[in-house]
Amino acid sequence: DLKAEANVRTTVIAEQDWAEEWKKYYQPVEIGNIYISPSWLEPAAAPGRIFVQLDPGMAFG
């Protein structure tokens, strides 16, 4: 005989363009001399750096 108790809480959030909103949290990553950046950001120039530019879209998340 299992009894479970659950509390449910809801929050109303403002309407947003979620297809674009997530982009502000997707930041460049630097691993050694490899710089991985989303396509909508300008890569930071540096000598000897290898640039990888991704257009992740919704497939990554």
Foldseek 3Di string as FASTA:
>chain_A
DDDDDDDDDDDDDDDDDVQPVCVVVQAWDDDPLEIEGEPVDDDDDDPPHHYHYHPCGPVVD
